C-alpha atoms as a PDB file:
ATOM      1  CA  MET A   1     212.774 -73.081 -87.340  1.00  0.00           C
ATOM      2  CA  GLU A   2     211.118 -76.472 -87.254  1.00  0.00           C
ATOM      3  CA  PRO A   3     210.872 -78.257 -83.888  1.00  0.00           C
ATOM      4  CA  PRO A   4     213.185 -81.257 -83.645  1.00  0.00           C
ATOM      5  CA  SER A   5     212.130 -84.767 -84.451  1.00  0.00           C
ATOM      6  CA  LYS A   6     212.675 -87.438 -81.853  1.00  0.00           C
ATOM      7  CA  GLY A   7     216.086 -88.196 -83.395  1.00  0.00           C
ATOM      8  CA  GLN A   8     217.451 -84.711 -82.820  1.00  0.00           C
ATOM      9  CA  LEU A   9     219.205 -83.333 -79.749  1.00  0.00           C
ATOM     10  CA  VAL A  10     217.345 -81.119 -77.284  1.00  0.00           C
ATOM     11  CA  GLY A  11     219.586 -78.934 -75.113  1.00  0.00           C
ATOM     12  CA  VAL A  12     218.293 -77.685 -71.763  1.00  0.00           C
ATOM     13  CA  VAL A  13     219.784 -74.731 -69.892  1.00  0.00           C
ATOM     14  CA  GLY A  14     218.797 -72.636 -66.898  1.00  0.00           C
ATOM     15  CA  PRO A  15     219.876 -71.672 -63.412  1.00  0.00           C
ATOM     16  CA  CYS A  16     220.266 -74.284 -60.694  1.00  0.00           C
ATOM     17  CA  GLY A  17     216.867 -75.345 -59.418  1.00  0.00           C
ATOM     18  CA  SER A  18     214.946 -74.432 -62.565  1.00  0.00           C
ATOM     19  CA  GLY A  19     213.947 -78.044 -63.328  1.00  0.00           C
ATOM     20  CA  LYS A  20     216.417 -79.075 -66.022  1.00  0.00           C
ATOM     21  CA  SER A  21     216.981 -82.648 -64.801  1.00  0.00           C
ATOM     22  CA  THR A  22     213.277 -83.229 -64.245  1.00  0.00           C
ATOM     23  CA  LEU A  23     212.374 -81.935 -67.709  1.00  0.00           C
ATOM     24  CA  MET A  24     215.061 -83.997 -69.406  1.00  0.00           C
ATOM     25  CA  ALA A  25     213.892 -87.175 -67.666  1.00  0.00           C
ATOM     26  CA  GLY A  26     210.350 -86.515 -68.897  1.00  0.00           C
ATOM     27  CA  LEU A  27     211.443 -85.738 -72.456  1.00  0.00           C
ATOM     28  CA  GLU A  28     213.613 -88.845 -72.589  1.00  0.00           C
ATOM     29  CA  LYS A  29     210.609 -90.967 -71.573  1.00  0.00           C
ATOM     30  CA  HIS A  30     208.898 -89.551 -74.665  1.00  0.00           C
ATOM     31  CA  GLY A  31     211.803 -90.547 -76.888  1.00  0.00           C
ATOM     32  CA  TYR A  32     213.749 -87.284 -77.125  1.00  0.00           C
ATOM     33  CA  ALA A  33     217.540 -87.217 -76.860  1.00  0.00           C
ATOM     34  CA  CYS A  34     218.463 -84.532 -74.330  1.00  0.00           C
ATOM     35  CA  ARG A  35     221.558 -82.945 -72.976  1.00  0.00           C
ATOM     36  CA  HIS A  36     221.897 -80.838 -69.836  1.00  0.00           C
ATOM     37  CA  ILE A  37     224.250 -78.036 -70.756  1.00  0.00           C
ATOM     38  CA  ALA A  38     225.876 -76.657 -67.604  1.00  0.00           C
ATOM     39  CA  GLN A  39     226.118 -73.177 -69.086  1.00  0.00           C
ATOM     40  CA  GLU A  40     225.343 -71.625 -65.703  1.00  0.00           C
ATOM     41  CA  HIS A  41     228.780 -72.774 -64.499  1.00  0.00           C
ATOM     42  CA  SER A  42     230.806 -71.645 -67.511  1.00  0.00           C
ATOM     43  CA  TYR A  43     232.430 -68.301 -68.246  1.00  0.00           C
ATOM     44  CA  VAL A  44     232.384 -69.174 -71.965  1.00  0.00           C
ATOM     45  CA  GLN A  45     229.154 -67.541 -73.179  1.00  0.00           C
ATOM     46  CA  ALA A  46     228.661 -69.819 -76.194  1.00  0.00           C
ATOM     47  CA  MET A  47     229.679 -73.063 -74.477  1.00  0.00           C
ATOM     48  CA  TRP A  48     226.188 -74.460 -75.098  1.00  0.00           C
ATOM     49  CA  GLN A  49     226.833 -74.172 -78.864  1.00  0.00           C
ATOM     50  CA  ILE A  50     230.405 -75.430 -78.792  1.00  0.00           C
ATOM     51  CA  VAL A  51     229.983 -78.479 -76.569  1.00  0.00           C
ATOM     52  CA  SER A  52     226.542 -79.769 -77.474  1.00  0.00           C
ATOM     53  CA  LYS A  53     225.362 -78.295 -80.765  1.00  0.00           C
ATOM     54  CA  PRO A  54     221.699 -78.942 -79.887  1.00  0.00           C
ATOM     55  CA  ASP A  55     219.072 -78.873 -82.611  1.00  0.00           C
ATOM     56  CA  VAL A  56     216.788 -76.976 -80.253  1.00  0.00           C
ATOM     57  CA  LEU A  57     217.572 -75.138 -77.023  1.00  0.00           C
ATOM     58  CA  ILE A  58     215.104 -74.888 -74.144  1.00  0.00           C
ATOM     59  CA  TYR A  59     215.730 -72.306 -71.434  1.00  0.00           C
ATOM     60  CA  LEU A  60     214.135 -72.916 -68.048  1.00  0.00           C
ATOM     61  CA  HIS A  61     213.927 -69.947 -65.727  1.00  0.00           C
ATOM     62  CA  SER A  62     213.302 -69.848 -62.002  1.00  0.00           C
ATOM     63  CA  SER A  63     213.590 -66.893 -59.649  1.00  0.00           C
ATOM     64  CA  PHE A  64     216.163 -66.603 -56.879  1.00  0.00           C
ATOM     65  CA  PRO A  65     213.702 -67.543 -54.076  1.00  0.00           C
ATOM     66  CA  VAL A  66     212.323 -70.522 -56.000  1.00  0.00           C
ATOM     67  CA  SER A  67     215.741 -71.795 -57.111  1.00  0.00           C
ATOM     68  CA  THR A  68     217.168 -71.677 -53.612  1.00  0.00           C
ATOM     69  CA  ALA A  69     214.080 -73.291 -52.067  1.00  0.00           C
ATOM     70  CA  ARG A  70     213.953 -76.135 -54.594  1.00  0.00           C
ATOM     71  CA  ARG A  71     217.604 -77.034 -54.215  1.00  0.00           C
ATOM     72  CA  LYS A  72     218.024 -75.934 -50.585  1.00  0.00           C
ATOM     73  CA  LEU A  73     220.920 -73.753 -51.739  1.00  0.00           C
ATOM     74  CA  ASP A  74     222.828 -71.463 -49.428  1.00  0.00           C
ATOM     75  CA  TRP A  75     223.345 -68.778 -52.040  1.00  0.00           C
ATOM     76  CA  ARG A  76     223.618 -65.061 -52.013  1.00  0.00           C
ATOM     77  CA  GLU A  77     221.567 -63.255 -54.614  1.00  0.00           C
ATOM     78  CA  LYS A  78     224.756 -62.168 -56.381  1.00  0.00           C
ATOM     79  CA  ASP A  79     225.603 -65.869 -56.964  1.00  0.00           C
ATOM     80  CA  TYR A  80     222.251 -66.310 -58.682  1.00  0.00           C
ATOM     81  CA  GLU A  81     222.727 -63.125 -60.713  1.00  0.00           C
ATOM     82  CA  GLU A  82     226.104 -64.448 -61.895  1.00  0.00           C
ATOM     83  CA  GLN A  83     224.418 -67.607 -63.155  1.00  0.00           C
ATOM     84  CA  LEU A  84     221.909 -65.508 -65.084  1.00  0.00           C
ATOM     85  CA  ARG A  85     224.766 -63.482 -66.584  1.00  0.00           C
ATOM     86  CA  ARG A  86     226.501 -66.680 -67.712  1.00  0.00           C
ATOM     87  CA  LEU A  87     223.229 -67.917 -69.206  1.00  0.00           C
ATOM     88  CA  SER A  88     222.389 -64.703 -71.079  1.00  0.00           C
ATOM     89  CA  HIS A  89     223.746 -65.826 -74.469  1.00  0.00           C
ATOM     90  CA  ALA A  90     221.890 -69.136 -74.278  1.00  0.00           C
ATOM     91  CA  ARG A  91     218.702 -67.358 -73.198  1.00  0.00           C
ATOM     92  CA  GLU A  92     218.927 -65.028 -76.205  1.00  0.00           C
ATOM     93  CA  HIS A  93     219.238 -68.012 -78.554  1.00  0.00           C
ATOM     94  CA  ALA A  94     216.756 -70.403 -76.947  1.00  0.00           C
ATOM     95  CA  GLN A  95     213.833 -71.430 -79.119  1.00  0.00           C
ATOM     96  CA  LEU A  96     211.659 -72.053 -76.061  1.00  0.00           C
ATOM     97  CA  PHE A  97     211.626 -70.137 -72.756  1.00  0.00           C
ATOM     98  CA  ILE A  98     209.675 -71.539 -69.809  1.00  0.00           C
ATOM     99  CA  ASP A  99     209.367 -69.759 -66.467  1.00  0.00           C
ATOM    100  CA  THR A 100     208.996 -72.683 -64.057  1.00  0.00           C
ATOM    101  CA  ASP A 101     208.256 -70.735 -60.863  1.00  0.00           C
ATOM    102  CA  ASN A 102     204.503 -71.373 -60.809  1.00  0.00           C
ATOM    103  CA  LEU A 103     204.359 -74.573 -62.838  1.00  0.00           C
ATOM    104  CA  THR A 104     204.378 -78.200 -61.776  1.00  0.00           C
ATOM    105  CA  PRO A 105     206.979 -80.481 -63.364  1.00  0.00           C
ATOM    106  CA  GLU A 106     204.155 -82.006 -65.421  1.00  0.00           C
ATOM    107  CA  GLN A 107     203.120 -78.584 -66.740  1.00  0.00           C
ATOM    108  CA  VAL A 108     206.723 -77.753 -67.702  1.00  0.00           C
ATOM    109  CA  LEU A 109     207.012 -81.074 -69.524  1.00  0.00           C
ATOM    110  CA  GLN A 110     203.724 -80.490 -71.348  1.00  0.00           C
ATOM    111  CA  LYS A 111     204.839 -77.048 -72.535  1.00  0.00           C
ATOM    112  CA  ALA A 112     208.043 -78.564 -73.895  1.00  0.00           C
ATOM    113  CA  LEU A 113     206.202 -81.471 -75.547  1.00  0.00           C
ATOM    114  CA  ASP A 114     203.685 -79.107 -77.138  1.00  0.00           C
ATOM    115  CA  PHE A 115     206.541 -77.098 -78.629  1.00  0.00           C
ATOM    116  CA  LEU A 116     208.469 -80.135 -79.817  1.00  0.00           C
ATOM    117  CA  LYS A 117     205.477 -81.706 -81.626  1.00  0.00           C
END
């Protein structure tokens, strides 16, 4: 599959605290149209396909400790695991997977830009 041109829609999914909003802001500054798909909050596994129909799907991952620290969330691990379950279909279909745990926002953005070029 060809990466999208700047006129195509980039969908971004991942658990809370994985860096979706930060990545989208960076991509939009580079001219990409982006949509945050709140798949982590939906019981409908293919919601990301139904609602947004992105040309490319980027999955951002962050671990339970990193997600909760970034967002100062008062979660139990089972809450996090439920988000991952809800995201499993999107993760399987994502064209790009980025584990953000040990990356700066700039490094995450660069990985996405490198893929999209």
